[in-house]
């Protein structure tokens, strides 16, 4: 079960890597008239569900959680919500790579925290350390650090062209 759970935890990251690296392939796959960011969001939610089920399969819950859980989880989710609130679905789900014009946001947390959505996700998953074995938290966090590295540079010439 441990190997399957590890695969499930890492499952989203190759998907994100391929979308970031080959955005035109995704736009072509989605086809005319379909919003690639919306389709990516739907697929990402399904893959995230598999990721959470994998994590829950190796977890052991107890109540109450340790005191560090609440601030880490709350601030991590606040960062994720704030990024989504400021950028919207298109901005959160690689809209800029799919040929959309996403304005740069200068409000908190942008400008203060590099990659706030990934920092928030790492904080939320580290908050669960008392329930989830360390190796799965580490795998998940390394996946996010990998995506931070991949997304740190972008060649605008590789952005997808919208299908017309």
N, C-alpha and C. Protein backbone atom coordinates (compact mmCIF):
# COMPACT_ATOMS: atom_id res chain seq x y z
N UNK A 1 0.81 -1.20 0.00
CA UNK A 1 0.00 0.00 0.00
C UNK A 1 0.86 1.26 0.00
N UNK A 2 2.02 1.20 0.61
CA UNK A 2 2.90 2.36 0.72
C UNK A 2 3.38 2.88 -0.61
N UNK A 3 3.73 1.98 -1.53
CA UNK A 3 4.21 2.41 -2.85
C UNK A 3 3.06 3.04 -3.63
N UNK A 4 1.88 2.43 -3.58
CA UNK A 4 0.72 3.02 -4.27
C UNK A 4 0.38 4.39 -3.70
N UNK A 5 0.45 4.52 -2.38
CA UNK A 5 0.18 5.82 -1.76
C UNK A 5 1.22 6.85 -2.21
N UNK A 6 2.47 6.46 -2.29
CA UNK A 6 3.52 7.36 -2.76
C UNK A 6 3.28 7.81 -4.20
N UNK A 7 2.87 6.86 -5.04
CA UNK A 7 2.54 7.21 -6.43
C UNK A 7 1.35 8.17 -6.47
N UNK A 8 0.35 7.89 -5.66
CA UNK A 8 -0.82 8.77 -5.60
C UNK A 8 -0.49 10.18 -5.14
N UNK A 9 0.43 10.27 -4.17
CA UNK A 9 0.84 11.59 -3.67
C UNK A 9 1.58 12.37 -4.76
N UNK A 10 2.37 11.68 -5.57
CA UNK A 10 3.16 12.35 -6.62
C UNK A 10 2.40 12.53 -7.93
N UNK A 11 1.24 11.94 -8.06
CA UNK A 11 0.49 11.92 -9.32
C UNK A 11 0.27 13.28 -9.98
N UNK A 12 -0.07 14.35 -9.25
CA UNK A 12 -0.35 15.62 -9.93
C UNK A 12 0.87 16.26 -10.58
N UNK A 13 2.04 16.01 -10.05
CA UNK A 13 3.20 16.78 -10.47
C UNK A 13 3.67 16.51 -11.90
N UNK A 14 3.66 15.27 -12.39
CA UNK A 14 3.97 15.08 -13.81
C UNK A 14 2.94 15.75 -14.72
N UNK A 15 1.67 15.74 -14.30
CA UNK A 15 0.61 16.41 -15.06
C UNK A 15 0.90 17.90 -15.16
N UNK A 16 1.21 18.54 -14.02
CA UNK A 16 1.51 19.97 -14.02
C UNK A 16 2.76 20.26 -14.85
N UNK A 17 3.75 19.40 -14.73
CA UNK A 17 4.99 19.60 -15.50
C UNK A 17 4.70 19.59 -17.00
N UNK A 18 3.94 18.61 -17.44
CA UNK A 18 3.62 18.52 -18.87
C UNK A 18 2.81 19.73 -19.34
N UNK A 19 1.87 20.17 -18.53
CA UNK A 19 1.07 21.33 -18.91
C UNK A 19 1.92 22.59 -18.99
N UNK A 20 2.84 22.76 -18.05
CA UNK A 20 3.70 23.94 -18.06
C UNK A 20 4.68 23.90 -19.23
N UNK A 21 5.19 22.73 -19.52
CA UNK A 21 6.22 22.59 -20.54
C UNK A 21 5.64 22.54 -21.95
N UNK A 22 4.47 21.93 -22.12
CA UNK A 22 3.86 21.77 -23.45
C UNK A 22 2.42 22.30 -23.45
N UNK A 23 2.25 23.60 -23.24
CA UNK A 23 0.88 24.13 -23.14
C UNK A 23 0.08 24.02 -24.44
N UNK A 24 0.75 24.11 -25.58
CA UNK A 24 0.01 24.03 -26.84
C UNK A 24 -0.61 22.65 -27.03
N UNK A 25 0.06 21.63 -26.58
CA UNK A 25 -0.50 20.27 -26.67
C UNK A 25 -1.80 20.17 -25.88
N UNK A 26 -1.83 20.81 -24.70
CA UNK A 26 -3.03 20.80 -23.88
C UNK A 26 -4.16 21.56 -24.56
N UNK A 27 -3.85 22.73 -25.09
CA UNK A 27 -4.87 23.53 -25.78
C UNK A 27 -5.43 22.74 -26.96
N UNK A 28 -4.55 22.08 -27.72
CA UNK A 28 -5.00 21.27 -28.86
C UNK A 28 -5.87 20.10 -28.39
N UNK A 29 -5.48 19.47 -27.30
CA UNK A 29 -6.24 18.34 -26.75
C UNK A 29 -7.63 18.79 -26.28
N UNK A 30 -7.70 19.96 -25.69
CA UNK A 30 -8.99 20.48 -25.22
C UNK A 30 -9.90 20.80 -26.40
N UNK A 31 -9.34 21.25 -27.50
CA UNK A 31 -10.13 21.53 -28.70
C UNK A 31 -10.73 22.92 -28.71
N UNK A 32 -11.34 23.23 -29.84
CA UNK A 32 -11.98 24.55 -30.03
C UNK A 32 -13.16 24.72 -29.10
N UNK A 33 -13.31 25.96 -28.62
CA UNK A 33 -14.48 26.28 -27.82
C UNK A 33 -14.41 25.83 -26.37
N UNK A 34 -13.34 25.17 -25.97
CA UNK A 34 -13.21 24.73 -24.57
C UNK A 34 -12.10 25.53 -23.92
N UNK A 35 -12.36 26.00 -22.73
CA UNK A 35 -11.39 26.78 -21.98
C UNK A 35 -10.35 25.83 -21.36
N UNK A 36 -9.08 25.89 -21.81
CA UNK A 36 -8.07 24.96 -21.28
C UNK A 36 -7.85 25.09 -19.78
N UNK A 37 -8.02 26.30 -19.23
CA UNK A 37 -7.88 26.48 -17.78
C UNK A 37 -9.00 25.77 -17.04
N UNK A 38 -10.20 25.86 -17.57
CA UNK A 38 -11.35 25.20 -16.94
C UNK A 38 -11.19 23.67 -16.98
N UNK A 39 -10.76 23.16 -18.13
CA UNK A 39 -10.54 21.72 -18.26
C UNK A 39 -9.42 21.27 -17.33
N UNK A 40 -8.34 22.09 -17.27
CA UNK A 40 -7.24 21.76 -16.37
C UNK A 40 -7.74 21.73 -14.93
N UNK A 41 -8.60 22.68 -14.56
CA UNK A 41 -9.14 22.71 -13.20
C UNK A 41 -9.91 21.43 -12.89
N UNK A 42 -10.74 21.00 -13.83
CA UNK A 42 -11.53 19.77 -13.61
C UNK A 42 -10.62 18.55 -13.46
N UNK A 43 -9.64 18.42 -14.35
CA UNK A 43 -8.72 17.29 -14.27
C UNK A 43 -7.89 17.38 -13.00
N UNK A 44 -7.46 18.58 -12.65
CA UNK A 44 -6.65 18.76 -11.43
C UNK A 44 -7.44 18.38 -10.19
N UNK A 45 -8.72 18.73 -10.14
CA UNK A 45 -9.54 18.36 -8.98
C UNK A 45 -9.66 16.85 -8.86
N UNK A 46 -9.81 16.17 -9.97
CA UNK A 46 -9.90 14.70 -9.94
C UNK A 46 -8.57 14.09 -9.46
N UNK A 47 -7.46 14.60 -9.99
CA UNK A 47 -6.14 14.09 -9.58
C UNK A 47 -5.89 14.41 -8.11
N UNK A 48 -6.31 15.60 -7.66
CA UNK A 48 -6.16 15.96 -6.25
C UNK A 48 -6.96 15.02 -5.35
N UNK A 49 -8.12 14.62 -5.81
CA UNK A 49 -8.93 13.66 -5.06
C UNK A 49 -8.16 12.35 -4.87
N UNK A 50 -7.55 11.86 -5.94
CA UNK A 50 -6.73 10.64 -5.85
C UNK A 50 -5.57 10.87 -4.89
N UNK A 51 -4.96 12.07 -4.96
CA UNK A 51 -3.84 12.39 -4.07
C UNK A 51 -4.29 12.37 -2.61
N UNK A 52 -5.43 12.98 -2.30
CA UNK A 52 -5.93 12.99 -0.92
C UNK A 52 -6.31 11.60 -0.44
N UNK A 53 -6.95 10.80 -1.29
CA UNK A 53 -7.30 9.43 -0.91
C UNK A 53 -6.03 8.63 -0.61
N UNK A 54 -5.00 8.83 -1.42
CA UNK A 54 -3.72 8.15 -1.18
C UNK A 54 -3.14 8.54 0.16
N UNK A 55 -3.18 9.84 0.46
CA UNK A 55 -2.66 10.31 1.73
C UNK A 55 -3.47 9.80 2.91
N UNK A 56 -4.79 9.82 2.78
CA UNK A 56 -5.65 9.32 3.85
C UNK A 56 -5.46 7.83 4.09
N UNK A 57 -5.09 7.09 3.05
CA UNK A 57 -4.93 5.65 3.20
C UNK A 57 -3.76 5.28 4.11
N UNK A 58 -2.81 6.18 4.29
CA UNK A 58 -1.66 5.89 5.15
C UNK A 58 -1.67 6.73 6.42
N UNK A 59 -2.75 7.44 6.64
CA UNK A 59 -2.85 8.34 7.79
C UNK A 59 -3.50 7.66 8.98
N UNK A 60 -3.19 8.16 10.13
CA UNK A 60 -3.87 7.73 11.35
C UNK A 60 -4.26 8.99 12.12
N UNK A 61 -5.56 9.19 12.25
CA UNK A 61 -6.07 10.43 12.84
C UNK A 61 -6.29 10.29 14.33
N UNK A 62 -6.05 11.38 15.01
CA UNK A 62 -6.33 11.48 16.44
C UNK A 62 -6.82 12.90 16.71
N UNK A 63 -7.58 13.04 17.78
CA UNK A 63 -8.11 14.35 18.11
C UNK A 63 -7.76 14.68 19.54
N UNK A 64 -7.44 15.83 19.88
CA UNK A 64 -7.32 17.03 19.07
C UNK A 64 -5.96 17.06 18.37
N UNK A 65 -5.87 17.81 17.30
CA UNK A 65 -4.58 17.94 16.62
C UNK A 65 -3.62 18.78 17.47
N UNK A 66 -2.33 18.66 17.20
CA UNK A 66 -1.38 19.48 17.95
C UNK A 66 -1.62 20.97 17.69
N UNK A 67 -1.16 21.81 18.58
CA UNK A 67 -1.41 23.24 18.48
C UNK A 67 -0.84 23.85 17.20
N UNK A 68 0.27 23.31 16.69
CA UNK A 68 0.86 23.89 15.47
C UNK A 68 -0.02 23.65 14.24
N UNK A 69 -0.95 22.70 14.31
CA UNK A 69 -1.82 22.41 13.17
C UNK A 69 -2.63 23.63 12.75
N UNK A 70 -3.28 24.27 13.72
CA UNK A 70 -4.24 25.33 13.40
C UNK A 70 -3.62 26.52 12.68
N UNK A 71 -2.52 27.11 13.17
CA UNK A 71 -1.97 28.26 12.43
C UNK A 71 -1.39 27.88 11.08
N UNK A 72 -0.71 26.73 11.01
CA UNK A 72 -0.14 26.31 9.72
C UNK A 72 -1.22 26.04 8.69
N UNK A 73 -2.23 25.27 9.08
CA UNK A 73 -3.29 24.93 8.14
C UNK A 73 -4.10 26.16 7.75
N UNK A 74 -4.45 26.98 8.73
CA UNK A 74 -5.27 28.17 8.45
C UNK A 74 -4.52 29.15 7.54
N UNK A 75 -3.26 29.44 7.82
CA UNK A 75 -2.53 30.39 6.98
C UNK A 75 -2.26 29.78 5.60
N UNK A 76 -1.99 28.50 5.54
CA UNK A 76 -1.79 27.84 4.25
C UNK A 76 -3.03 27.92 3.38
N UNK A 77 -4.19 27.67 3.97
CA UNK A 77 -5.44 27.75 3.21
C UNK A 77 -5.78 29.19 2.86
N UNK A 78 -5.45 30.13 3.75
CA UNK A 78 -5.65 31.54 3.44
C UNK A 78 -4.84 31.94 2.21
N UNK A 79 -3.58 31.51 2.14
CA UNK A 79 -2.75 31.82 0.97
C UNK A 79 -3.36 31.24 -0.30
N UNK A 80 -3.79 29.98 -0.23
CA UNK A 80 -4.40 29.35 -1.41
C UNK A 80 -5.66 30.10 -1.84
N UNK A 81 -6.50 30.44 -0.89
CA UNK A 81 -7.74 31.16 -1.21
C UNK A 81 -7.44 32.54 -1.78
N UNK A 82 -6.46 33.21 -1.21
CA UNK A 82 -6.11 34.56 -1.65
C UNK A 82 -5.59 34.55 -3.09
N UNK A 83 -4.75 33.59 -3.42
CA UNK A 83 -4.25 33.48 -4.79
C UNK A 83 -5.41 33.25 -5.75
N UNK A 84 -6.29 32.34 -5.40
CA UNK A 84 -7.44 32.06 -6.27
C UNK A 84 -8.34 33.29 -6.38
N UNK A 85 -8.53 34.00 -5.27
CA UNK A 85 -9.37 35.20 -5.26
C UNK A 85 -8.78 36.27 -6.17
N UNK A 86 -7.47 36.47 -6.15
CA UNK A 86 -6.84 37.52 -6.94
C UNK A 86 -6.67 37.15 -8.40
N UNK A 87 -6.36 35.89 -8.68
CA UNK A 87 -6.06 35.49 -10.06
C UNK A 87 -7.24 34.86 -10.77
N UNK A 88 -8.16 34.28 -10.02
CA UNK A 88 -9.27 33.57 -10.65
C UNK A 88 -8.81 32.23 -11.19
N UNK A 89 -9.74 31.50 -11.74
CA UNK A 89 -9.44 30.15 -12.24
C UNK A 89 -8.39 30.17 -13.35
N UNK A 90 -8.52 31.12 -14.28
CA UNK A 90 -7.57 31.17 -15.39
C UNK A 90 -6.15 31.44 -14.91
N UNK A 91 -6.02 32.31 -13.91
CA UNK A 91 -4.70 32.62 -13.39
C UNK A 91 -4.10 31.51 -12.57
N UNK A 92 -4.96 30.82 -11.84
CA UNK A 92 -4.49 29.74 -10.99
C UNK A 92 -4.14 28.50 -11.81
N UNK A 93 -4.91 28.26 -12.86
CA UNK A 93 -4.71 27.06 -13.65
C UNK A 93 -4.03 27.36 -14.98
N UNK A 94 -2.84 27.96 -14.92
CA UNK A 94 -1.92 28.15 -16.05
C UNK A 94 -2.51 28.92 -17.22
N UNK A 95 -3.48 29.79 -16.96
CA UNK A 95 -4.08 30.57 -18.03
C UNK A 95 -3.06 31.33 -18.85
N UNK A 96 -2.03 31.86 -18.17
CA UNK A 96 -1.00 32.61 -18.88
C UNK A 96 -0.27 31.72 -19.89
N UNK A 97 -0.12 30.46 -19.58
CA UNK A 97 0.55 29.53 -20.51
C UNK A 97 -0.37 29.12 -21.65
N UNK A 98 -1.69 29.29 -21.44
CA UNK A 98 -2.67 28.90 -22.46
C UNK A 98 -3.13 30.08 -23.29
N UNK A 99 -2.33 31.15 -23.31
CA UNK A 99 -2.61 32.28 -24.18
C UNK A 99 -3.55 33.33 -23.61
N UNK A 100 -3.82 33.28 -22.30
CA UNK A 100 -4.70 34.27 -21.70
C UNK A 100 -3.88 35.41 -21.11
N UNK A 101 -4.47 36.59 -21.08
CA UNK A 101 -3.81 37.74 -20.50
C UNK A 101 -4.19 37.82 -19.04
N UNK A 102 -3.30 37.42 -18.16
CA UNK A 102 -3.55 37.42 -16.73
C UNK A 102 -2.76 38.59 -16.13
N UNK A 103 -3.43 39.58 -15.55
CA UNK A 103 -2.69 40.72 -15.00
C UNK A 103 -1.88 40.30 -13.77
N UNK A 104 -0.71 40.88 -13.64
CA UNK A 104 0.11 40.60 -12.45
C UNK A 104 -0.53 41.28 -11.25
N UNK A 105 -0.57 40.58 -10.17
CA UNK A 105 -1.21 41.09 -8.96
C UNK A 105 -0.14 41.56 -7.99
N UNK A 106 -0.34 42.71 -7.42
CA UNK A 106 0.64 43.27 -6.49
C UNK A 106 0.15 43.28 -5.04
N UNK A 107 -1.05 42.79 -4.80
CA UNK A 107 -1.59 42.76 -3.44
C UNK A 107 -1.03 41.56 -2.68
N UNK A 108 -1.17 41.58 -1.35
CA UNK A 108 -0.71 40.47 -0.53
C UNK A 108 -1.43 39.19 -0.96
N UNK A 109 -0.76 38.10 -1.11
CA UNK A 109 0.60 37.74 -0.74
C UNK A 109 1.64 37.92 -1.85
N UNK A 110 1.23 38.38 -3.03
CA UNK A 110 2.20 38.56 -4.11
C UNK A 110 3.15 39.69 -3.76
N UNK A 111 4.41 39.50 -4.07
CA UNK A 111 5.42 40.48 -3.74
C UNK A 111 6.03 40.25 -2.37
N UNK A 112 5.30 39.55 -1.50
CA UNK A 112 5.79 39.24 -0.16
C UNK A 112 6.27 37.80 -0.07
N UNK A 113 5.56 36.92 -0.74
CA UNK A 113 5.87 35.49 -0.71
C UNK A 113 6.00 35.01 -2.14
N UNK A 114 7.13 34.39 -2.46
CA UNK A 114 7.30 33.82 -3.79
C UNK A 114 6.47 32.54 -3.88
N UNK A 115 5.69 32.40 -4.93
CA UNK A 115 4.82 31.24 -5.14
C UNK A 115 3.91 30.97 -3.94
N UNK A 116 3.07 31.95 -3.58
CA UNK A 116 2.26 31.80 -2.36
C UNK A 116 1.32 30.60 -2.39
N UNK A 117 0.83 30.18 -3.57
CA UNK A 117 -0.08 29.04 -3.60
C UNK A 117 0.66 27.76 -3.21
N UNK A 118 1.92 27.63 -3.62
CA UNK A 118 2.68 26.44 -3.25
C UNK A 118 3.15 26.50 -1.80
N UNK A 119 3.53 27.67 -1.35
CA UNK A 119 3.91 27.83 0.06
C UNK A 119 2.71 27.49 0.95
N UNK A 120 1.53 27.97 0.56
CA UNK A 120 0.32 27.66 1.32
C UNK A 120 0.01 26.18 1.34
N UNK A 121 0.20 25.52 0.21
CA UNK A 121 -0.06 24.08 0.15
C UNK A 121 0.94 23.30 0.98
N UNK A 122 2.20 23.71 0.94
CA UNK A 122 3.22 23.04 1.76
C UNK A 122 2.91 23.23 3.24
N UNK A 123 2.53 24.45 3.62
CA UNK A 123 2.18 24.71 5.03
C UNK A 123 1.01 23.83 5.47
N UNK A 124 0.00 23.72 4.62
CA UNK A 124 -1.17 22.92 4.97
C UNK A 124 -0.83 21.46 5.13
N UNK A 125 0.03 20.95 4.26
CA UNK A 125 0.37 19.52 4.35
C UNK A 125 1.31 19.26 5.53
N UNK A 126 2.22 20.18 5.84
CA UNK A 126 3.11 20.02 6.99
C UNK A 126 2.29 20.08 8.28
N UNK A 127 1.20 20.82 8.27
CA UNK A 127 0.33 20.87 9.45
C UNK A 127 -0.20 19.49 9.83
N UNK A 128 -0.30 18.60 8.87
CA UNK A 128 -0.84 17.25 9.09
C UNK A 128 0.22 16.24 9.49
N UNK A 129 1.40 16.71 9.85
CA UNK A 129 2.51 15.83 10.16
C UNK A 129 2.23 14.86 11.31
N UNK A 130 1.37 15.25 12.23
CA UNK A 130 1.08 14.33 13.35
C UNK A 130 0.22 13.15 12.91
N UNK A 131 -0.41 13.24 11.75
CA UNK A 131 -1.30 12.18 11.28
C UNK A 131 -0.72 11.39 10.11
N UNK A 132 0.12 12.02 9.32
CA UNK A 132 0.62 11.42 8.09
C UNK A 132 2.10 11.11 8.25
N UNK A 133 2.54 9.91 7.86
CA UNK A 133 3.96 9.59 7.95
C UNK A 133 4.83 10.60 7.20
N UNK A 134 5.97 10.90 7.77
CA UNK A 134 6.87 11.94 7.26
C UNK A 134 7.21 11.78 5.78
N UNK A 135 7.44 10.55 5.32
CA UNK A 135 7.89 10.37 3.94
C UNK A 135 6.86 10.87 2.93
N UNK A 136 5.58 10.79 3.26
CA UNK A 136 4.54 11.26 2.34
C UNK A 136 4.45 12.79 2.34
N UNK A 137 4.64 13.38 3.53
CA UNK A 137 4.70 14.84 3.62
C UNK A 137 5.90 15.33 2.81
N UNK A 138 7.02 14.64 2.95
CA UNK A 138 8.23 15.02 2.22
C UNK A 138 8.02 14.88 0.71
N UNK A 139 7.44 13.79 0.26
CA UNK A 139 7.16 13.61 -1.17
C UNK A 139 6.29 14.73 -1.71
N UNK A 140 5.21 15.03 -1.02
CA UNK A 140 4.28 16.06 -1.44
C UNK A 140 5.00 17.42 -1.50
N UNK A 141 5.77 17.74 -0.45
CA UNK A 141 6.50 19.01 -0.41
C UNK A 141 7.55 19.09 -1.50
N UNK A 142 8.26 18.00 -1.75
CA UNK A 142 9.25 17.98 -2.84
C UNK A 142 8.57 18.18 -4.19
N UNK A 143 7.38 17.64 -4.36
CA UNK A 143 6.63 17.86 -5.60
C UNK A 143 6.35 19.34 -5.80
N UNK A 144 5.92 20.03 -4.74
CA UNK A 144 5.68 21.47 -4.85
C UNK A 144 6.97 22.24 -5.09
N UNK A 145 8.05 21.86 -4.43
CA UNK A 145 9.34 22.53 -4.67
C UNK A 145 9.79 22.32 -6.11
N UNK A 146 9.55 21.14 -6.66
CA UNK A 146 9.86 20.86 -8.06
C UNK A 146 9.07 21.81 -8.96
N UNK A 147 7.78 22.00 -8.68
CA UNK A 147 6.96 22.88 -9.50
C UNK A 147 7.38 24.34 -9.34
N UNK A 148 7.79 24.74 -8.15
CA UNK A 148 8.32 26.10 -7.97
C UNK A 148 9.52 26.29 -8.87
N UNK A 149 10.39 25.29 -8.91
CA UNK A 149 11.59 25.37 -9.76
C UNK A 149 11.20 25.42 -11.24
N UNK A 150 10.30 24.55 -11.67
CA UNK A 150 9.88 24.49 -13.08
C UNK A 150 9.24 25.81 -13.50
N UNK A 151 8.39 26.36 -12.65
CA UNK A 151 7.65 27.57 -12.99
C UNK A 151 8.44 28.85 -12.75
N UNK A 152 9.67 28.74 -12.23
CA UNK A 152 10.45 29.94 -11.93
C UNK A 152 10.90 30.66 -13.19
N UNK A 153 10.95 29.95 -14.30
CA UNK A 153 11.31 30.60 -15.57
C UNK A 153 10.25 30.27 -16.59
N UNK A 154 9.98 31.24 -17.44
CA UNK A 154 9.02 31.00 -18.50
C UNK A 154 9.51 31.69 -19.75
N UNK A 155 9.49 30.96 -20.83
CA UNK A 155 9.80 31.51 -22.14
C UNK A 155 8.48 31.86 -22.79
N UNK A 156 8.23 33.17 -22.97
CA UNK A 156 6.94 33.59 -23.51
C UNK A 156 6.69 33.08 -24.93
N UNK A 157 7.75 32.69 -25.62
CA UNK A 157 7.57 32.17 -26.99
C UNK A 157 6.97 30.77 -26.97
N UNK A 158 6.97 30.10 -25.81
CA UNK A 158 6.42 28.75 -25.73
C UNK A 158 4.97 28.75 -25.25
N UNK A 159 4.39 29.92 -25.04
CA UNK A 159 2.98 29.97 -24.65
C UNK A 159 2.11 29.45 -25.77
N UNK A 160 1.01 28.85 -25.39
CA UNK A 160 0.08 28.29 -26.37
C UNK A 160 -0.64 29.41 -27.11
N UNK A 161 -1.00 29.11 -28.33
CA UNK A 161 -1.83 30.03 -29.12
C UNK A 161 -3.27 29.50 -29.06
N UNK A 162 -4.21 30.40 -28.76
CA UNK A 162 -5.61 29.94 -28.71
C UNK A 162 -6.06 29.39 -30.05
N UNK A 163 -6.88 28.36 -30.02
CA UNK A 163 -7.42 27.79 -31.26
C UNK A 163 -8.52 28.71 -31.80
N UNK A 164 -8.49 28.97 -33.10
CA UNK A 164 -9.54 29.82 -33.64
C UNK A 164 -10.34 29.11 -34.70
